Amino acid sequence: MKEFVDIEISGSHLRYDENDPIAVNISGNHYIDGDIHKITYVEEAQGFDEIILNTIIVNKNRVEIIKEGVVNSKMVFANNSRYKTIYDTPFGRLDMETETKLLLIDMNEEEINVYVEYILYIEGDRASNSKMRIHIVEAVDRVDKKGG
């Protein structure tokens, strides 16, 4: 897979009887360091004149999703594990925890596929049962923004 990639993130947070869908389609950059794939992309922070730098780090048995900017967080997913972190927003800080129930990772030269089922806890309370799919492929029609 080359440097420029297309990223599709989809999923849902099931809270009580409500299903809150996730859907992101964006372009980004892909780097490889040994068996670790690092994907970065920038998104606009809704309601703010700032951006959020997102980093997805994938290896054969672990996924990290890091947000830096107006919102800061780090979520780590590994089978049968829990990860505590801080979700830092302009409105305050929240204790957040993910409990990974299932993590499937499939990586090859052409694409990366991640599927995760997890429980999200906010301030110690179960906030949602969540599912997320990440699909990363080499960008087809990407123009190098650095010079052309």
N, C-alpha and C. Protein backbone atom coordinates (compact mmCIF):
# COMPACT_ATOMS: atom_id res chain seq x y z
N MET A 1 0.84 -1.17 0.00
CA MET A 1 0.00 0.00 0.00
C MET A 1 0.89 1.24 0.00
N LYS A 2 0.52 2.21 -0.79
CA LYS A 2 1.33 3.42 -0.92
C LYS A 2 1.00 4.42 0.18
N GLU A 3 1.59 5.62 0.07
CA GLU A 3 1.45 6.62 1.12
C GLU A 3 0.04 7.20 1.21
N PHE A 4 -0.59 7.48 0.08
CA PHE A 4 -1.91 8.12 0.12
C PHE A 4 -3.00 7.06 0.15
N VAL A 5 -3.92 7.19 1.12
CA VAL A 5 -4.96 6.18 1.32
C VAL A 5 -6.34 6.81 1.47
N ASP A 6 -7.34 5.99 1.20
CA ASP A 6 -8.72 6.33 1.50
C ASP A 6 -9.12 5.54 2.73
N ILE A 7 -9.80 6.21 3.65
CA ILE A 7 -10.16 5.62 4.94
C ILE A 7 -11.67 5.64 5.09
N GLU A 8 -12.24 4.51 5.40
CA GLU A 8 -13.67 4.42 5.68
C GLU A 8 -13.84 3.85 7.09
N ILE A 9 -14.50 4.62 7.95
CA ILE A 9 -14.78 4.19 9.31
C ILE A 9 -16.29 4.16 9.47
N SER A 10 -16.82 3.02 9.87
CA SER A 10 -18.26 2.91 10.08
C SER A 10 -18.51 2.10 11.33
N GLY A 11 -19.70 2.28 11.88
CA GLY A 11 -20.04 1.52 13.07
C GLY A 11 -21.21 2.12 13.78
N SER A 12 -21.34 1.76 15.06
CA SER A 12 -22.46 2.27 15.84
C SER A 12 -22.16 2.19 17.33
N HIS A 13 -22.84 3.06 18.06
CA HIS A 13 -22.86 3.03 19.53
C HIS A 13 -24.30 2.74 19.93
N LEU A 14 -24.55 1.60 20.55
CA LEU A 14 -25.89 1.25 21.00
C LEU A 14 -26.03 1.69 22.45
N ARG A 15 -26.90 2.68 22.66
CA ARG A 15 -27.17 3.21 24.00
C ARG A 15 -28.64 2.97 24.30
N TYR A 16 -28.89 2.22 25.34
CA TYR A 16 -30.27 1.88 25.70
C TYR A 16 -30.94 1.28 24.46
N ASP A 17 -31.96 1.92 23.91
CA ASP A 17 -32.60 1.41 22.70
C ASP A 17 -32.27 2.25 21.48
N GLU A 18 -31.29 3.14 21.59
CA GLU A 18 -30.93 4.03 20.49
C GLU A 18 -29.63 3.58 19.85
N ASN A 19 -29.59 3.68 18.53
CA ASN A 19 -28.39 3.30 17.78
C ASN A 19 -27.80 4.57 17.17
N ASP A 20 -26.60 4.95 17.60
CA ASP A 20 -25.93 6.16 17.12
C ASP A 20 -24.88 5.74 16.09
N PRO A 21 -25.16 5.95 14.79
CA PRO A 21 -24.22 5.47 13.76
C PRO A 21 -22.96 6.33 13.64
N ILE A 22 -21.89 5.70 13.18
CA ILE A 22 -20.61 6.35 12.88
C ILE A 22 -20.38 6.17 11.38
N ALA A 23 -20.00 7.25 10.69
CA ALA A 23 -19.69 7.13 9.26
C ALA A 23 -18.69 8.22 8.88
N VAL A 24 -17.48 7.81 8.52
CA VAL A 24 -16.43 8.74 8.10
C VAL A 24 -15.78 8.18 6.84
N ASN A 25 -15.70 9.00 5.81
CA ASN A 25 -14.96 8.67 4.59
C ASN A 25 -14.00 9.82 4.33
N ILE A 26 -12.71 9.55 4.35
CA ILE A 26 -11.73 10.64 4.27
C ILE A 26 -10.43 10.10 3.68
N SER A 27 -9.61 10.99 3.19
CA SER A 27 -8.28 10.62 2.68
C SER A 27 -7.23 10.90 3.74
N GLY A 28 -6.15 10.14 3.69
CA GLY A 28 -5.09 10.33 4.67
C GLY A 28 -3.77 9.80 4.15
N ASN A 29 -2.83 9.67 5.07
CA ASN A 29 -1.48 9.20 4.76
C ASN A 29 -1.20 7.90 5.50
N HIS A 30 -0.40 7.04 4.87
CA HIS A 30 -0.07 5.73 5.41
C HIS A 30 1.44 5.58 5.48
N TYR A 31 1.92 5.12 6.62
CA TYR A 31 3.34 4.88 6.82
C TYR A 31 3.51 3.49 7.42
N ILE A 32 4.63 2.85 7.11
CA ILE A 32 4.92 1.53 7.66
C ILE A 32 6.25 1.60 8.40
N ASP A 33 6.25 1.04 9.62
CA ASP A 33 7.47 0.92 10.41
C ASP A 33 7.53 -0.53 10.91
N GLY A 34 8.25 -1.37 10.19
CA GLY A 34 8.28 -2.80 10.53
C GLY A 34 6.93 -3.41 10.25
N ASP A 35 6.30 -3.99 11.30
CA ASP A 35 4.97 -4.58 11.12
C ASP A 35 3.86 -3.65 11.63
N ILE A 36 4.21 -2.39 11.86
CA ILE A 36 3.23 -1.41 12.35
C ILE A 36 2.83 -0.47 11.22
N HIS A 37 1.52 -0.33 11.03
CA HIS A 37 0.98 0.60 10.04
C HIS A 37 0.45 1.82 10.79
N LYS A 38 0.82 3.00 10.32
CA LYS A 38 0.38 4.25 10.92
C LYS A 38 -0.37 5.04 9.86
N ILE A 39 -1.61 5.38 10.16
CA ILE A 39 -2.46 6.12 9.23
C ILE A 39 -2.84 7.43 9.90
N THR A 40 -2.66 8.55 9.19
CA THR A 40 -3.03 9.84 9.74
C THR A 40 -4.01 10.54 8.81
N TYR A 41 -4.91 11.30 9.41
CA TYR A 41 -5.82 12.14 8.63
C TYR A 41 -6.29 13.29 9.51
N VAL A 42 -6.75 14.34 8.85
CA VAL A 42 -7.19 15.55 9.54
C VAL A 42 -8.68 15.71 9.34
N GLU A 43 -9.38 16.07 10.40
CA GLU A 43 -10.80 16.37 10.29
C GLU A 43 -11.09 17.71 10.96
N GLU A 44 -12.13 18.38 10.49
CA GLU A 44 -12.54 19.63 11.10
C GLU A 44 -13.34 19.32 12.35
N ALA A 45 -13.10 20.11 13.39
CA ALA A 45 -13.85 19.94 14.63
C ALA A 45 -15.19 20.66 14.48
N GLN A 46 -16.28 19.92 14.55
CA GLN A 46 -17.60 20.52 14.37
C GLN A 46 -17.85 21.58 15.43
N GLY A 47 -18.24 22.78 14.96
CA GLY A 47 -18.54 23.87 15.87
C GLY A 47 -17.33 24.69 16.30
N PHE A 48 -16.15 24.36 15.78
CA PHE A 48 -14.93 25.06 16.14
C PHE A 48 -14.15 25.38 14.87
N ASP A 49 -13.32 26.41 14.93
CA ASP A 49 -12.46 26.76 13.80
C ASP A 49 -11.11 26.08 13.95
N GLU A 50 -11.11 24.85 14.38
CA GLU A 50 -9.88 24.11 14.60
C GLU A 50 -9.99 22.74 13.94
N ILE A 51 -8.86 22.07 13.88
CA ILE A 51 -8.83 20.73 13.29
C ILE A 51 -8.43 19.71 14.35
N ILE A 52 -8.66 18.46 14.02
CA ILE A 52 -8.24 17.35 14.86
C ILE A 52 -7.35 16.45 14.01
N LEU A 53 -6.14 16.17 14.49
CA LEU A 53 -5.25 15.22 13.83
C LEU A 53 -5.57 13.84 14.39
N ASN A 54 -5.94 12.94 13.51
CA ASN A 54 -6.28 11.57 13.89
C ASN A 54 -5.16 10.63 13.44
N THR A 55 -4.80 9.73 14.32
CA THR A 55 -3.79 8.72 14.00
C THR A 55 -4.35 7.35 14.35
N ILE A 56 -4.27 6.44 13.40
CA ILE A 56 -4.66 5.05 13.63
C ILE A 56 -3.39 4.21 13.51
N ILE A 57 -3.08 3.47 14.56
CA ILE A 57 -1.90 2.61 14.57
C ILE A 57 -2.39 1.17 14.63
N VAL A 58 -1.95 0.36 13.65
CA VAL A 58 -2.42 -1.02 13.55
C VAL A 58 -1.22 -1.96 13.47
N ASN A 59 -1.23 -2.98 14.31
CA ASN A 59 -0.32 -4.10 14.10
C ASN A 59 -1.16 -5.38 14.12
N LYS A 60 -0.56 -6.53 14.17
CA LYS A 60 -1.31 -7.77 13.98
C LYS A 60 -2.30 -8.09 15.11
N ASN A 61 -2.15 -7.46 16.29
CA ASN A 61 -3.06 -7.79 17.39
C ASN A 61 -3.50 -6.61 18.24
N ARG A 62 -3.35 -5.38 17.71
CA ARG A 62 -3.69 -4.20 18.50
C ARG A 62 -3.98 -3.03 17.57
N VAL A 63 -4.94 -2.19 17.97
CA VAL A 63 -5.28 -0.97 17.24
C VAL A 63 -5.35 0.18 18.23
N GLU A 64 -4.73 1.30 17.87
CA GLU A 64 -4.83 2.52 18.66
C GLU A 64 -5.44 3.61 17.78
N ILE A 65 -6.34 4.39 18.36
CA ILE A 65 -6.92 5.54 17.68
C ILE A 65 -6.65 6.76 18.56
N ILE A 66 -5.89 7.70 18.01
CA ILE A 66 -5.45 8.87 18.77
C ILE A 66 -6.01 10.12 18.11
N LYS A 67 -6.60 11.01 18.92
CA LYS A 67 -7.08 12.30 18.44
C LYS A 67 -6.30 13.39 19.17
N GLU A 68 -5.82 14.38 18.39
CA GLU A 68 -5.06 15.49 18.97
C GLU A 68 -5.56 16.80 18.37
N GLY A 69 -5.85 17.76 19.23
CA GLY A 69 -6.33 19.06 18.77
C GLY A 69 -7.32 19.61 19.78
N VAL A 70 -8.45 20.12 19.28
CA VAL A 70 -9.47 20.65 20.17
C VAL A 70 -10.06 19.54 21.04
N VAL A 71 -10.00 18.30 20.56
CA VAL A 71 -10.37 17.11 21.31
C VAL A 71 -9.13 16.22 21.37
N ASN A 72 -8.86 15.67 22.56
CA ASN A 72 -7.71 14.79 22.73
C ASN A 72 -8.16 13.48 23.37
N SER A 73 -7.78 12.36 22.76
CA SER A 73 -8.09 11.07 23.35
C SER A 73 -7.20 10.00 22.72
N LYS A 74 -7.16 8.87 23.40
CA LYS A 74 -6.44 7.71 22.88
C LYS A 74 -7.25 6.48 23.26
N MET A 75 -7.69 5.75 22.26
CA MET A 75 -8.43 4.51 22.49
C MET A 75 -7.55 3.36 22.02
N VAL A 76 -7.45 2.32 22.84
CA VAL A 76 -6.64 1.16 22.50
C VAL A 76 -7.54 -0.07 22.52
N PHE A 77 -7.41 -0.88 21.46
CA PHE A 77 -8.21 -2.10 21.34
C PHE A 77 -7.28 -3.29 21.17
N ALA A 78 -7.43 -4.27 22.05
CA ALA A 78 -6.74 -5.55 21.96
C ALA A 78 -7.70 -6.59 22.53
N ASN A 79 -7.75 -7.77 21.96
CA ASN A 79 -8.73 -8.77 22.39
C ASN A 79 -8.70 -8.99 23.90
N ASN A 80 -9.90 -9.01 24.48
CA ASN A 80 -10.11 -9.28 25.90
C ASN A 80 -9.30 -8.36 26.81
N SER A 81 -9.26 -7.07 26.47
CA SER A 81 -8.52 -6.13 27.31
C SER A 81 -9.34 -4.87 27.57
N ARG A 82 -8.95 -4.16 28.62
CA ARG A 82 -9.56 -2.88 28.98
C ARG A 82 -8.47 -1.82 28.94
N TYR A 83 -8.85 -0.62 28.51
CA TYR A 83 -7.89 0.48 28.43
C TYR A 83 -8.54 1.74 28.98
N LYS A 84 -7.91 2.35 29.99
CA LYS A 84 -8.40 3.59 30.58
C LYS A 84 -7.67 4.78 29.98
N THR A 85 -8.42 5.86 29.77
CA THR A 85 -7.84 7.06 29.19
C THR A 85 -8.66 8.28 29.61
N ILE A 86 -8.23 9.43 29.17
CA ILE A 86 -8.94 10.69 29.40
C ILE A 86 -9.44 11.19 28.06
N TYR A 87 -10.70 11.60 28.01
CA TYR A 87 -11.28 12.23 26.83
C TYR A 87 -11.35 13.72 27.15
N ASP A 88 -10.47 14.49 26.52
CA ASP A 88 -10.30 15.91 26.83
C ASP A 88 -10.98 16.75 25.76
N THR A 89 -11.99 17.53 26.16
CA THR A 89 -12.74 18.38 25.23
C THR A 89 -12.71 19.82 25.71
N PRO A 90 -13.14 20.77 24.88
CA PRO A 90 -13.21 22.16 25.33
C PRO A 90 -14.20 22.35 26.49
N PHE A 91 -15.08 21.38 26.69
CA PHE A 91 -16.09 21.48 27.73
C PHE A 91 -15.69 20.78 29.02
N GLY A 92 -14.54 20.12 29.01
CA GLY A 92 -14.06 19.44 30.21
C GLY A 92 -13.46 18.09 29.89
N ARG A 93 -12.95 17.46 30.94
CA ARG A 93 -12.30 16.15 30.80
C ARG A 93 -13.20 15.06 31.36
N LEU A 94 -13.19 13.94 30.68
CA LEU A 94 -13.97 12.79 31.11
C LEU A 94 -13.07 11.57 31.19
N ASP A 95 -13.27 10.76 32.24
CA ASP A 95 -12.60 9.47 32.30
C ASP A 95 -13.31 8.55 31.32
N MET A 96 -12.55 7.88 30.49
CA MET A 96 -13.11 7.00 29.48
C MET A 96 -12.37 5.66 29.53
N GLU A 97 -13.10 4.60 29.24
CA GLU A 97 -12.50 3.27 29.22
C GLU A 97 -13.13 2.45 28.09
N THR A 98 -12.30 1.68 27.41
CA THR A 98 -12.80 0.75 26.40
C THR A 98 -12.50 -0.67 26.87
N GLU A 99 -13.49 -1.54 26.68
CA GLU A 99 -13.32 -2.96 26.96
C GLU A 99 -13.55 -3.71 25.65
N THR A 100 -12.48 -4.22 25.08
CA THR A 100 -12.55 -4.89 23.79
C THR A 100 -13.11 -6.30 23.97
N LYS A 101 -14.18 -6.58 23.24
CA LYS A 101 -14.80 -7.90 23.26
C LYS A 101 -14.33 -8.75 22.09
N LEU A 102 -14.11 -8.09 20.93
CA LEU A 102 -13.67 -8.81 19.74
C LEU A 102 -12.87 -7.86 18.86
N LEU A 103 -11.71 -8.30 18.43
CA LEU A 103 -10.89 -7.52 17.51
C LEU A 103 -10.41 -8.44 16.39
N LEU A 104 -10.75 -8.08 15.15
CA LEU A 104 -10.31 -8.82 13.97
C LEU A 104 -9.51 -7.87 13.09
N ILE A 105 -8.31 -8.27 12.71
CA ILE A 105 -7.44 -7.45 11.88
C ILE A 105 -6.98 -8.29 10.69
N ASP A 106 -7.15 -7.73 9.50
CA ASP A 106 -6.68 -8.38 8.28
C ASP A 106 -5.88 -7.34 7.50
N MET A 107 -4.59 -7.58 7.34
CA MET A 107 -3.71 -6.64 6.63
C MET A 107 -3.03 -7.37 5.49
N ASN A 108 -2.97 -6.71 4.33
CA ASN A 108 -2.18 -7.21 3.22
C ASN A 108 -1.63 -6.02 2.45
N GLU A 109 -1.00 -6.25 1.33
CA GLU A 109 -0.35 -5.16 0.59
C GLU A 109 -1.34 -4.17 0.00
N GLU A 110 -2.60 -4.55 -0.13
CA GLU A 110 -3.57 -3.69 -0.79
C GLU A 110 -4.56 -3.02 0.15
N GLU A 111 -4.76 -3.58 1.34
CA GLU A 111 -5.76 -2.99 2.23
C GLU A 111 -5.55 -3.43 3.67
N ILE A 112 -6.17 -2.67 4.55
CA ILE A 112 -6.22 -3.01 5.97
C ILE A 112 -7.69 -3.02 6.36
N ASN A 113 -8.12 -4.09 7.01
CA ASN A 113 -9.49 -4.19 7.52
C ASN A 113 -9.43 -4.46 9.01
N VAL A 114 -10.18 -3.66 9.76
CA VAL A 114 -10.26 -3.83 11.21
C VAL A 114 -11.73 -3.88 11.58
N TYR A 115 -12.08 -4.81 12.45
CA TYR A 115 -13.42 -4.87 13.01
C TYR A 115 -13.27 -5.02 14.51
N VAL A 116 -13.99 -4.19 15.27
CA VAL A 116 -13.88 -4.25 16.72
C VAL A 116 -15.27 -4.12 17.35
N GLU A 117 -15.52 -4.94 18.35
CA GLU A 117 -16.70 -4.82 19.20
C GLU A 117 -16.19 -4.50 20.59
N TYR A 118 -16.76 -3.46 21.20
CA TYR A 118 -16.25 -3.03 22.49
C TYR A 118 -17.35 -2.37 23.32
N ILE A 119 -17.10 -2.29 24.60
CA ILE A 119 -17.97 -1.57 25.52
C ILE A 119 -17.26 -0.27 25.85
N LEU A 120 -17.98 0.83 25.78
CA LEU A 120 -17.44 2.15 26.11
C LEU A 120 -17.99 2.58 27.46
N TYR A 121 -17.08 2.94 28.36
CA TYR A 121 -17.45 3.44 29.68
C TYR A 121 -17.06 4.92 29.76
N ILE A 122 -17.96 5.74 30.28
CA ILE A 122 -17.68 7.16 30.53
C ILE A 122 -17.89 7.42 32.01
N GLU A 123 -16.88 7.97 32.67
CA GLU A 123 -16.93 8.24 34.11
C GLU A 123 -17.34 7.00 34.89
N GLY A 124 -16.86 5.84 34.45
CA GLY A 124 -17.12 4.59 35.15
C GLY A 124 -18.43 3.91 34.82
N ASP A 125 -19.32 4.60 34.11
CA ASP A 125 -20.61 4.03 33.75
C ASP A 125 -20.59 3.50 32.32
N ARG A 126 -21.27 2.39 32.13
CA ARG A 126 -21.37 1.81 30.78
C ARG A 126 -22.17 2.78 29.91
N ALA A 127 -21.53 3.32 28.87
CA ALA A 127 -22.18 4.30 28.01
C ALA A 127 -22.76 3.66 26.76
N SER A 128 -22.09 2.65 26.21
CA SER A 128 -22.61 2.03 24.99
C SER A 128 -21.92 0.71 24.71
N ASN A 129 -22.63 -0.12 23.96
CA ASN A 129 -22.04 -1.27 23.29
C ASN A 129 -21.74 -0.80 21.88
N SER A 130 -20.51 -0.93 21.45
CA SER A 130 -20.09 -0.31 20.20
C SER A 130 -19.47 -1.32 19.25
N LYS A 131 -19.62 -1.01 17.96
CA LYS A 131 -18.99 -1.77 16.89
C LYS A 131 -18.35 -0.77 15.94
N MET A 132 -17.19 -1.13 15.41
CA MET A 132 -16.51 -0.23 14.48
C MET A 132 -15.79 -1.06 13.42
N ARG A 133 -15.88 -0.57 12.19
CA ARG A 133 -15.16 -1.18 11.07
C ARG A 133 -14.29 -0.10 10.46
N ILE A 134 -13.01 -0.41 10.24
CA ILE A 134 -12.08 0.50 9.58
C ILE A 134 -11.57 -0.20 8.33
N HIS A 135 -11.70 0.46 7.19
CA HIS A 135 -11.23 -0.10 5.93
C HIS A 135 -10.31 0.94 5.29
N ILE A 136 -9.08 0.55 5.00
CA ILE A 136 -8.07 1.45 4.46
C ILE A 136 -7.53 0.84 3.18
N VAL A 137 -7.59 1.63 2.09
CA VAL A 137 -7.07 1.18 0.80
C VAL A 137 -6.25 2.30 0.17
N GLU A 138 -5.40 1.92 -0.75
CA GLU A 138 -4.61 2.90 -1.49
C GLU A 138 -5.56 3.83 -2.24
N ALA A 139 -5.30 5.13 -2.16
CA ALA A 139 -6.14 6.12 -2.84
C ALA A 139 -5.97 5.98 -4.34
N VAL A 140 -7.08 6.05 -5.06
CA VAL A 140 -7.06 5.89 -6.51
C VAL A 140 -6.75 7.21 -7.20
N ASP A 141 -7.45 8.27 -6.82
CA ASP A 141 -7.32 9.57 -7.50
C ASP A 141 -6.78 10.63 -6.56
N ARG A 142 -5.68 10.36 -5.91
CA ARG A 142 -5.13 11.29 -4.93
C ARG A 142 -4.12 12.21 -5.59
N VAL A 143 -4.24 13.52 -5.36
CA VAL A 143 -3.28 14.50 -5.84
C VAL A 143 -2.40 14.87 -4.67
N ASP A 144 -1.10 14.86 -4.88
CA ASP A 144 -0.15 15.22 -3.84
C ASP A 144 -0.31 16.70 -3.51
N LYS A 145 -0.83 17.01 -2.31
CA LYS A 145 -1.08 18.39 -1.91
C LYS A 145 0.20 19.16 -1.64
N LYS A 146 1.32 18.46 -1.51
CA LYS A 146 2.58 19.13 -1.23
C LYS A 146 3.15 19.82 -2.46
N GLY A 147 2.72 19.40 -3.63
CA GLY A 147 3.33 20.03 -4.79
C GLY A 147 2.67 19.72 -6.10
N GLY A 148 1.53 19.09 -6.06
CA GLY A 148 1.00 18.84 -7.36
C GLY A 148 -0.26 18.17 -7.40
